[in-house]
Amino acid sequence: MSRKPTRPWKKLIALLAALVLVLAACSGDSDDAATETTAAASDDGGFAEVSGEIDAGEPAIDAPATDRPAEAPGDDALGSGGVEAALLQTSSLGRDIIFTADMTVAVTDVAAASVEATRIIEELGGFLFGQETRGAPEPVSRLTFKVLPGDFQQALARLGTVGDIRNQTVTADDVTERVVDLESRISTAEASVERLKGFLEDAADIETIAQLEAQLLQRETDLETMRGALRTLQDRVDLATIYVTLTEALAAPALDAEVTGFPGHDDGISCPAEGRIRVEEGEDATVCFEITNVGDTPLAGLTLRDAVLDVELGDLIVVWGDPSGILEPGQSIVLAHEMTVERNLRTQTRITAEPVNEDGNRVEGREVGSTVSMSIEALDPGGLPGFADGLEASVDALLAIVGLIVLFAGAVLPFIWVIPLGWLLWNWQKRRHAQRVSQPATASQPPWAAETAEEPVADESAEEPAEAE
């Protein structure tokens, strides 16, 4: 019996089937490897954020799809304050991390900005946890928000669009060890409480029962304290905290002024100088005024007045800047005043300005000002004194003598009564002396006996011879 020959097309079909089976097996191995790689990446802690540029030759990696609606292109842009948001890993890392942020945002309307910030957080599934608001003249609102850690980064980015970010601080505190420690201590405390309860059931005498109850009360108190600390810690881990301070953008106008000087005149080119002026009398000097807007509000309506130098803004040389225009925050203007120094001076310069908004309109109820001073020392040039110097010295000496006289008169005036009293005493002593000389005292009588005798003894002896005759 002869064997039938095998047809060529049957061999071709068998070869193609074998090739298909091999290709299918290779494709299955590739899919399994990709699945294992994806699972390993997921177990390793979720996705990681990547910043930087991607080369044109590399394939782009699509982000995982989410149920959240797509954001508008401008939602994640920062305000004009220019503070970049920190890039954080907000996915599950297998760690207990507390995310906290503190940011200050300058806005034109604090009340409206508070409503807008609350709306942004509520759209992300967060909520307003606390609010503290202060009104005019310097309105400010302090908001506390709670959001899920996965929405923490997006919440910061969107809150930055409310106004201009002035400052921002972001922290991530890993409290895994604290959580594990508290859980371990709680487990130990629970076991201790159960043992004490068992001992208490078996206790028979009152003293033992009292001791066990006291210990049980202390252990249960410690246990509840640790449970409360763990709940607080877990609440902070489960919800990130964002503190937002909203301030008025035109709420802190301020200006700074500095007065310096240097010898000579050069149309203020050397302004601002480094210190005060010390020149000889009659020499030239230049006073420099530097005015800087150190606040957050544009300033207009600048005024300057120095009563000692007797100058105003219109009398000064403009070195740079526009005194009649708007002085933006951070800008400065420099002015100069040329003079001849005749004597020692101390300037008293008063500078004021009016805050204005972005449209150039004055901010009502606000005004800024500064008063500064500087010493100008006139040195004696030396040399031989002239007629004027002699006359000035004579006048000074005369004034000094008059001052001494006035001083002496003021010191003697309270004792003026001594003069008439002294004069009376002197006259009394003079009369007594005259009486003693005209009626000298006898040897047998004391000096006061002669004064009390009515008639002298010599008169009686003279009458006796006349009667005898």
Protein backbone atom coordinates (compact mmCIF):
# COMPACT_ATOMS: atom_id res chain seq x y z
CA MET A 1 0.00 0.00 0.00
CA SER A 2 1.53 3.31 -1.00
CA ARG A 3 1.70 6.41 1.34
CA LYS A 4 0.01 9.61 0.15
CA PRO A 5 2.38 12.50 -0.39
CA THR A 6 2.18 15.51 1.98
CA ARG A 7 1.06 18.66 0.30
CA PRO A 8 3.33 21.80 0.67
CA TRP A 9 0.53 24.15 1.79
CA LYS A 10 -0.15 21.98 4.82
CA LYS A 11 3.44 22.40 5.95
CA LEU A 12 3.17 26.18 5.53
CA ILE A 13 0.02 26.30 7.68
CA ALA A 14 1.67 24.32 10.44
CA LEU A 15 4.70 26.62 10.40
CA LEU A 16 2.55 29.76 10.65
CA ALA A 17 0.56 28.32 13.58
CA ALA A 18 3.77 27.54 15.46
CA LEU A 19 5.03 31.11 14.86
CA VAL A 20 1.75 32.59 16.18
CA LEU A 21 2.00 30.52 19.35
CA VAL A 22 5.56 31.70 19.98
CA LEU A 23 4.65 35.39 19.48
CA ALA A 24 1.66 35.06 21.83
CA ALA A 25 3.85 33.53 24.53
CA CYS A 26 6.39 36.39 24.23
CA SER A 27 3.63 39.01 24.44
CA GLY A 28 2.21 37.42 27.59
CA ASP A 29 5.59 37.45 29.29
CA SER A 30 6.04 41.16 28.45
CA ASP A 31 2.60 42.04 29.88
CA ASP A 32 3.32 40.12 33.08
CA ALA A 33 6.62 41.93 33.53
CA ALA A 34 4.93 45.32 33.02
CA THR A 35 2.23 44.37 35.53
CA GLU A 36 4.82 43.35 38.12
CA THR A 37 6.77 46.59 37.56
CA THR A 38 3.63 48.68 38.01
CA ALA A 39 2.66 46.83 41.17
CA ALA A 40 6.14 47.28 42.59
CA ALA A 41 6.02 51.04 41.88
CA SER A 42 2.61 51.25 43.58
CA ASP A 43 3.84 49.38 46.64
CA ASP A 44 6.83 51.66 46.87
CA GLY A 45 4.71 54.65 47.81
CA GLY A 46 2.63 55.95 44.92
CA PHE A 47 3.67 58.52 42.35
CA ALA A 48 6.43 61.08 42.69
CA GLU A 49 6.36 64.60 41.32
CA VAL A 50 9.06 65.44 38.75
CA SER A 51 10.15 68.97 37.97
CA GLY A 52 12.34 70.02 35.05
CA GLU A 53 12.34 69.95 31.29
CA ILE A 54 11.75 66.76 29.24
CA ASP A 55 13.91 66.12 26.21
CA ALA A 56 12.07 66.16 22.93
CA GLY A 57 13.37 62.70 22.04
CA GLU A 58 11.98 60.97 25.13
CA PRO A 59 8.40 59.72 25.23
CA ALA A 60 6.07 61.56 27.55
CA ILE A 61 4.65 59.70 30.55
CA ASP A 62 0.93 60.17 31.04
CA ALA A 63 -0.18 61.05 34.56
CA PRO A 64 -2.68 58.71 36.21
CA ALA A 65 -6.27 59.65 35.56
CA THR A 66 -8.31 61.09 38.42
CA ASP A 67 -11.99 61.82 38.96
CA ARG A 68 -11.26 65.50 39.66
CA PRO A 69 -12.31 67.90 36.87
CA ALA A 70 -9.55 69.50 34.85
CA GLU A 71 -8.34 72.83 36.17
CA ALA A 72 -8.20 75.97 34.11
CA PRO A 73 -4.73 76.88 32.78
CA GLY A 74 -4.38 79.85 35.13
CA ASP A 75 -5.59 78.16 38.31
CA ASP A 76 -2.15 77.03 39.46
CA ALA A 77 -0.36 80.29 38.65
CA LEU A 78 1.10 82.23 41.53
CA GLY A 79 0.26 85.82 42.31
CA SER A 80 2.49 88.68 41.21
CA GLY A 81 4.37 88.47 44.51
CA GLY A 82 6.69 85.94 42.88
CA VAL A 83 7.01 83.41 45.74
CA GLU A 84 7.38 79.93 44.31
CA ALA A 85 5.33 77.13 45.88
CA ALA A 86 7.31 74.25 47.41
CA LEU A 87 7.14 70.88 45.66
CA LEU A 88 6.12 68.20 48.16
CA GLN A 89 5.46 64.48 48.01
CA THR A 90 1.83 64.28 49.05
CA SER A 91 1.08 60.69 48.08
CA SER A 92 1.03 57.80 50.51
CA LEU A 93 4.57 57.11 51.67
CA GLY A 94 3.77 54.58 54.34
CA ARG A 95 4.76 57.23 56.88
CA ASP A 96 2.79 59.49 59.22
CA ILE A 97 3.57 63.05 58.08
CA ILE A 98 2.02 66.32 59.25
CA PHE A 99 1.90 68.92 56.48
CA THR A 100 1.66 72.58 57.55
CA ALA A 101 1.87 75.82 55.58
CA ASP A 102 1.84 79.48 56.60
CA MET A 103 1.46 82.12 53.91
CA THR A 104 0.80 85.86 53.74
CA VAL A 105 -1.08 87.23 50.73
CA ALA A 106 -1.59 90.92 49.94
CA VAL A 107 -4.98 91.69 48.36
CA THR A 108 -6.94 94.77 47.38
CA ASP A 109 -10.09 93.72 49.27
CA VAL A 110 -9.61 91.60 52.39
CA ALA A 111 -13.29 90.65 52.76
CA ALA A 112 -13.69 89.53 49.15
CA ALA A 113 -10.38 87.65 49.26
CA SER A 114 -11.52 85.76 52.39
CA VAL A 115 -14.61 84.54 50.55
CA GLU A 116 -12.55 83.55 47.50
CA ALA A 117 -9.98 81.63 49.58
CA THR A 118 -12.72 79.73 51.40
CA ARG A 119 -14.38 78.83 48.08
CA ILE A 120 -11.08 77.46 46.73
CA ILE A 121 -10.57 75.21 49.74
CA GLU A 122 -14.16 73.96 49.71
CA GLU A 123 -13.84 73.00 46.03
CA LEU A 124 -10.88 70.79 47.01
CA GLY A 125 -12.90 69.07 49.71
CA GLY A 126 -11.37 71.03 52.60
CA PHE A 127 -13.04 73.34 55.08
CA LEU A 128 -12.50 76.55 57.05
CA PHE A 129 -11.24 75.61 60.52
CA GLY A 130 -10.90 79.11 62.04
CA GLN A 131 -10.99 82.81 61.16
CA GLU A 132 -9.84 86.02 62.86
CA THR A 133 -10.56 89.35 61.14
CA ARG A 134 -9.68 92.95 61.93
CA GLY A 135 -11.20 95.93 60.12
CA ALA A 136 -10.04 99.43 59.15
CA PRO A 137 -7.77 101.31 59.16
CA GLU A 138 -5.49 98.28 58.57
CA PRO A 139 -7.77 95.36 57.65
CA VAL A 140 -6.34 91.85 58.01
CA SER A 141 -7.87 88.38 58.10
CA ARG A 142 -6.24 85.24 59.51
CA LEU A 143 -7.74 82.03 58.06
CA THR A 144 -7.05 78.42 59.06
CA PHE A 145 -7.88 75.71 56.52
CA LYS A 146 -7.88 71.89 56.70
CA VAL A 147 -7.36 69.82 53.53
CA LEU A 148 -6.43 66.27 52.67
CA PRO A 149 -2.67 65.71 52.32
CA GLY A 150 -3.18 64.74 48.68
CA ASP A 151 -4.70 68.17 47.97
CA PHE A 152 -2.17 70.12 50.01
CA GLN A 153 0.08 71.16 47.09
CA GLN A 154 -2.80 72.15 44.84
CA ALA A 155 -4.42 74.16 47.63
CA LEU A 156 -1.23 76.20 48.09
CA ALA A 157 -0.96 76.86 44.36
CA ARG A 158 -4.57 78.01 44.05
CA LEU A 159 -4.47 80.18 47.19
CA GLY A 160 -1.53 82.02 45.63
CA THR A 161 -3.83 83.30 42.89
CA VAL A 162 -5.94 85.29 45.37
CA GLY A 163 -3.34 88.09 45.54
CA ASP A 164 0.37 88.75 45.82
CA ILE A 165 2.27 86.23 47.99
CA ARG A 166 4.48 88.14 50.39
CA ASN A 167 5.92 85.12 52.21
CA GLN A 168 5.27 81.39 52.46
CA THR A 169 6.56 78.68 54.80
CA VAL A 170 5.87 74.97 54.23
CA THR A 171 6.87 72.22 56.67
CA ALA A 172 6.50 68.42 56.71
CA ASP A 173 6.93 66.77 60.10
CA ASP A 174 7.45 62.98 60.12
CA VAL A 175 5.75 61.69 63.31
CA THR A 176 5.83 57.99 62.50
CA GLU A 177 8.03 57.16 65.47
CA ARG A 178 5.79 59.10 67.83
CA VAL A 179 2.70 57.30 66.55
CA VAL A 180 4.35 53.88 66.89
CA ASP A 181 5.58 54.74 70.39
CA LEU A 182 2.12 55.88 71.51
CA GLU A 183 0.45 52.79 70.05
CA SER A 184 2.94 50.55 71.87
CA ARG A 185 2.48 52.36 75.16
CA ILE A 186 -1.30 52.20 74.76
CA SER A 187 -1.17 48.45 74.18
CA THR A 188 1.00 47.97 77.26
CA ALA A 189 -1.28 50.19 79.36
CA GLU A 190 -4.39 48.30 78.20
CA ALA A 191 -2.84 45.00 79.20
CA SER A 192 -1.86 46.45 82.59
CA VAL A 193 -5.40 47.70 83.16
CA GLU A 194 -6.83 44.26 82.36
CA ARG A 195 -4.44 42.58 84.79
CA LEU A 196 -5.34 45.02 87.57
CA LYS A 197 -9.03 44.38 86.95
CA GLY A 198 -8.37 40.65 87.32
CA PHE A 199 -6.47 41.20 90.57
CA LEU A 200 -9.28 43.40 91.83
CA GLU A 201 -11.86 40.66 91.21
CA ASP A 202 -9.79 38.17 93.24
CA ALA A 203 -9.00 40.60 96.10
CA ALA A 204 -10.57 39.79 99.48
CA ASP A 205 -9.46 42.34 102.09
CA ILE A 206 -10.38 46.03 101.98
CA GLU A 207 -6.80 47.34 102.08
CA THR A 208 -5.80 45.37 98.99
CA ILE A 209 -8.94 46.48 97.17
CA ALA A 210 -8.22 50.13 97.97
CA GLN A 211 -4.64 49.87 96.72
CA LEU A 212 -5.68 48.11 93.50
CA GLU A 213 -8.43 50.65 92.79
CA ALA A 214 -5.99 53.55 93.23
CA GLN A 215 -3.50 51.94 90.84
CA LEU A 216 -6.27 51.09 88.38
CA LEU A 217 -7.52 54.69 88.39
CA GLN A 218 -4.01 55.99 87.69
CA ARG A 219 -3.42 53.48 84.88
CA GLU A 220 -6.76 54.27 83.24
CA THR A 221 -6.06 58.01 83.47
CA ASP A 222 -2.68 57.55 81.80
CA LEU A 223 -4.27 55.34 79.16
CA GLU A 224 -6.91 57.93 78.23
CA THR A 225 -4.25 60.64 78.08
CA MET A 226 -2.19 58.60 75.62
CA ARG A 227 -5.27 57.77 73.56
CA GLY A 228 -6.12 61.48 73.34
CA ALA A 229 -2.56 62.35 72.26
CA LEU A 230 -2.69 59.65 69.58
CA ARG A 231 -6.06 60.88 68.27
CA THR A 232 -4.74 64.44 68.08
CA LEU A 233 -1.63 63.30 66.25
CA GLN A 234 -3.60 61.19 63.80
CA ASP A 235 -6.01 64.06 63.12
CA ARG A 236 -3.07 66.28 62.20
CA VAL A 237 -1.71 63.56 59.94
CA ASP A 238 -5.06 62.91 58.25
CA LEU A 239 -5.67 66.63 57.50
CA ALA A 240 -3.01 69.12 56.44
CA THR A 241 -3.22 72.62 57.93
CA ILE A 242 -2.84 75.87 55.96
CA TYR A 243 -2.67 79.25 57.71
CA VAL A 244 -3.45 82.16 55.36
CA THR A 245 -3.01 85.80 56.40
CA LEU A 246 -4.76 88.24 54.08
CA THR A 247 -3.52 91.82 54.30
CA GLU A 248 -4.48 94.91 52.35
CA ALA A 249 -1.97 95.56 49.57
CA LEU A 250 -1.91 99.30 50.32
CA ALA A 251 -1.88 98.93 54.09
CA ALA A 252 1.70 99.85 55.05
CA PRO A 253 2.84 103.15 53.51
CA ALA A 254 6.16 104.43 54.85
CA LEU A 255 9.09 106.58 53.80
CA ASP A 256 12.65 106.93 55.02
CA ALA A 257 14.73 110.11 54.81
CA GLU A 258 18.43 110.73 55.34
CA VAL A 259 20.29 114.06 55.41
CA THR A 260 24.03 114.17 54.68
CA GLY A 261 26.49 116.73 53.35
CA PHE A 262 29.97 117.47 52.02
CA PRO A 263 32.23 120.58 51.57
CA GLY A 264 32.02 122.48 48.30
CA HIS A 265 29.53 122.85 45.45
CA ASP A 266 29.15 120.47 42.49
CA ASP A 267 25.41 120.71 41.70
CA GLY A 268 24.75 117.73 43.97
CA ILE A 269 26.72 115.23 41.89
CA SER A 270 28.39 113.84 45.04
CA CYS A 271 25.02 113.29 46.75
CA PRO A 272 24.20 111.33 48.78
CA ALA A 273 27.26 111.87 50.98
CA GLU A 274 28.56 109.84 53.92
CA GLY A 275 28.16 112.10 56.95
CA ARG A 276 27.81 115.57 58.44
CA ILE A 277 29.45 118.81 57.30
CA ARG A 278 32.64 120.26 58.92
CA VAL A 279 34.05 123.28 57.09
CA GLU A 280 35.66 126.60 58.00
CA GLU A 281 33.50 129.64 58.48
CA GLY A 282 32.63 131.29 55.19
CA GLU A 283 33.29 128.14 53.14
CA ASP A 284 30.80 126.49 50.75
CA ALA A 285 28.97 123.25 51.53
CA THR A 286 26.21 121.08 50.05
CA VAL A 287 23.38 119.42 52.01
CA CYS A 288 21.97 116.18 50.50
CA PHE A 289 18.41 114.85 51.04
CA GLU A 290 17.73 111.19 50.15
CA ILE A 291 14.06 110.10 50.33
CA THR A 292 13.09 106.41 49.89
CA ASN A 293 9.67 104.73 49.75
CA VAL A 294 10.13 101.79 52.17
CA GLY A 295 6.43 100.85 52.33
CA ASP A 296 4.14 98.87 50.03
CA THR A 297 2.16 101.82 48.72
CA PRO A 298 3.01 104.41 46.03
CA LEU A 299 3.53 107.93 47.39
CA ALA A 300 2.66 111.28 45.84
CA GLY A 301 2.35 114.92 46.94
CA LEU A 302 5.85 115.05 48.40
CA THR A 303 6.68 118.06 50.60
CA LEU A 304 9.95 119.12 52.27
CA ARG A 305 10.58 122.00 54.68
CA ASP A 306 13.64 122.93 56.76
CA ALA A 307 13.11 125.98 58.99
CA VAL A 308 16.79 126.17 60.00
CA LEU A 309 18.07 126.27 56.43
CA ASP A 310 14.96 128.19 55.32
CA VAL A 311 14.44 125.98 52.26
CA GLU A 312 11.49 124.14 50.73
CA LEU A 313 11.14 121.46 48.07
CA GLY A 314 11.07 123.97 45.22
CA ASP A 315 14.37 125.53 46.35
CA LEU A 316 16.38 122.31 46.04
CA ILE A 317 18.46 120.88 43.21
CA VAL A 318 17.04 117.60 41.83
CA VAL A 319 19.90 115.12 41.54
CA TRP A 320 17.71 112.19 40.45
CA GLY A 321 14.07 111.21 40.64
CA ASP A 322 10.88 113.24 40.16
CA PRO A 323 9.67 114.98 43.35
CA SER A 324 6.40 115.97 41.67
CA GLY A 325 5.59 112.45 40.41
CA ILE A 326 4.70 109.16 42.09
CA LEU A 327 7.35 107.46 44.21
CA GLU A 328 6.86 103.71 43.83
CA PRO A 329 7.78 101.27 46.63
CA GLY A 330 11.53 100.80 46.74
CA GLN A 331 12.29 103.91 44.69
CA SER A 332 14.33 106.92 45.91
CA ILE A 333 14.88 110.53 45.00
CA VAL A 334 17.93 112.64 45.88
CA LEU A 335 17.89 116.43 46.31
CA ALA A 336 20.66 118.93 47.11
CA HIS A 337 20.97 122.39 48.69
CA GLU A 338 24.08 124.55 48.26
CA MET A 339 24.97 127.03 51.01
CA THR A 340 27.75 129.04 52.68
CA VAL A 341 28.48 128.03 56.27
CA GLU A 342 28.63 131.03 58.63
CA ARG A 343 27.99 129.37 62.01
CA ASN A 344 27.17 126.08 63.65
CA LEU A 345 23.77 124.71 62.64
CA ARG A 346 21.58 121.68 63.23
CA THR A 347 19.06 121.12 60.46
CA GLN A 348 15.43 120.15 61.12
CA THR A 349 13.97 118.67 57.94
CA ARG A 350 10.29 117.62 57.81
CA ILE A 351 9.21 115.43 54.86
CA THR A 352 5.62 114.28 54.16
CA ALA A 353 3.83 112.37 51.39
CA GLU A 354 0.36 111.03 50.56
CA PRO A 355 -0.26 107.32 49.76
CA VAL A 356 -2.06 106.65 46.47
CA ASN A 357 -3.54 103.52 44.92
CA GLU A 358 -2.61 101.90 41.61
CA ASP A 359 -4.81 104.39 39.75
CA GLY A 360 -3.02 107.36 41.33
CA ASN A 361 -5.94 108.29 43.58
CA ARG A 362 -5.19 109.26 47.15
CA VAL A 363 -5.80 106.66 49.88
CA GLU A 364 -8.08 108.48 52.31
CA GLY A 365 -7.08 108.75 55.94
CA ARG A 366 -3.42 108.00 55.32
CA GLU A 367 -0.32 110.20 55.41
CA VAL A 368 3.32 109.42 56.05
CA GLY A 369 6.09 111.69 57.25
CA SER A 370 9.57 111.78 58.71
CA THR A 371 11.70 114.36 60.54
CA VAL A 372 15.48 114.13 60.30
CA SER A 373 18.38 116.38 61.30
CA MET A 374 22.11 116.82 60.73
CA SER A 375 24.88 118.92 62.35
CA ILE A 376 26.80 121.52 60.37
CA GLU A 377 30.01 122.59 62.18
CA ALA A 378 31.69 125.91 61.31
CA LEU A 379 35.43 125.79 62.17
CA ASP A 380 37.52 128.83 63.23
CA PRO A 381 39.79 129.69 60.29
CA GLY A 382 42.56 131.10 62.61
CA GLY A 383 44.94 134.11 61.86
CA LEU A 384 45.32 137.61 63.49
CA PRO A 385 42.14 139.09 64.97
CA GLY A 386 40.63 142.12 63.24
CA PHE A 387 38.51 145.09 64.35
CA ALA A 388 35.33 143.04 64.21
CA ASP A 389 36.90 140.33 66.35
CA GLY A 390 37.99 142.92 68.96
CA LEU A 391 34.58 144.57 69.02
CA GLU A 392 32.92 141.17 69.39
CA ALA A 393 35.26 140.27 72.25
CA SER A 394 34.54 143.61 74.02
CA VAL A 395 30.84 143.13 73.71
CA ASP A 396 31.19 139.60 75.08
CA ALA A 397 33.24 140.91 78.04
CA LEU A 398 30.71 143.65 78.77
CA LEU A 399 27.88 141.19 78.66
CA ALA A 400 29.81 138.95 81.02
CA ILE A 401 30.32 141.82 83.52
CA VAL A 402 26.67 142.79 83.37
CA GLY A 403 25.76 139.19 83.96
CA LEU A 404 27.99 139.05 87.04
CA ILE A 405 26.42 142.23 88.42
CA VAL A 406 22.95 140.90 87.92
CA LEU A 407 23.99 137.68 89.55
CA PHE A 408 25.47 139.50 92.56
CA ALA A 409 22.38 141.68 92.93
CA GLY A 410 20.16 138.64 92.88
CA ALA A 411 22.26 137.00 95.58
CA VAL A 412 22.32 140.10 97.88
CA LEU A 413 18.72 141.19 97.51
CA PRO A 414 17.30 138.71 100.09
CA PHE A 415 19.69 140.22 102.72
CA ILE A 416 19.01 143.95 102.06
CA TRP A 417 17.46 144.36 105.54
CA VAL A 418 20.90 143.90 107.07
CA ILE A 419 22.06 147.34 105.84
CA PRO A 420 19.59 149.56 107.80
CA LEU A 421 19.95 147.34 110.86
CA GLY A 422 23.71 147.73 110.75
CA TRP A 423 23.38 151.50 110.35
CA LEU A 424 21.14 151.75 113.47
CA LEU A 425 23.52 149.67 115.54
CA TRP A 426 26.44 151.80 114.43
CA ASN A 427 24.69 155.09 115.46
CA TRP A 428 23.74 153.64 118.86
CA GLN A 429 27.29 152.64 119.56
CA LYS A 430 28.49 156.09 118.50
CA ARG A 431 26.19 157.92 121.00
CA ARG A 432 27.28 155.71 123.86
CA HIS A 433 30.88 156.40 123.11
CA ALA A 434 30.24 160.16 123.08
CA GLN A 435 28.55 160.04 126.51
CA ARG A 436 31.41 158.13 128.05
CA VAL A 437 33.90 160.71 126.85
CA SER A 438 31.96 163.74 128.22
CA GLN A 439 31.18 162.15 131.66
CA PRO A 440 34.09 160.00 132.74
CA ALA A 441 33.44 157.63 135.60
CA THR A 442 35.11 158.21 139.09
CA ALA A 443 37.43 155.74 140.62
CA SER A 444 34.92 154.71 143.34
CA GLN A 445 32.00 154.37 140.96
CA PRO A 446 31.50 151.90 138.21
CA PRO A 447 31.06 153.30 134.74
CA TRP A 448 27.27 152.94 134.86
CA ALA A 449 26.98 154.97 138.13
CA ALA A 450 28.10 158.14 136.43
CA GLU A 451 25.40 157.80 133.90
CA THR A 452 22.62 157.54 136.56
CA ALA A 453 23.69 160.53 138.74
CA GLU A 454 21.29 163.47 138.46
CA GLU A 455 23.84 166.31 139.06
CA PRO A 456 27.61 166.49 139.24
CA VAL A 457 29.29 166.68 142.69
CA ALA A 458 31.36 169.71 141.73
CA ASP A 459 28.28 172.03 141.79
CA GLU A 460 27.46 171.37 145.54
CA SER A 461 30.98 172.21 146.77
CA ALA A 462 30.85 175.49 144.96
CA GLU A 463 27.71 176.69 146.81
CA GLU A 464 28.98 176.04 150.40
CA PRO A 465 31.55 178.93 150.55
CA ALA A 466 28.88 181.39 149.47
CA GLU A 467 26.64 180.66 152.47
CA ALA A 468 29.48 181.00 154.97
CA GLU A 469 30.18 184.55 153.93
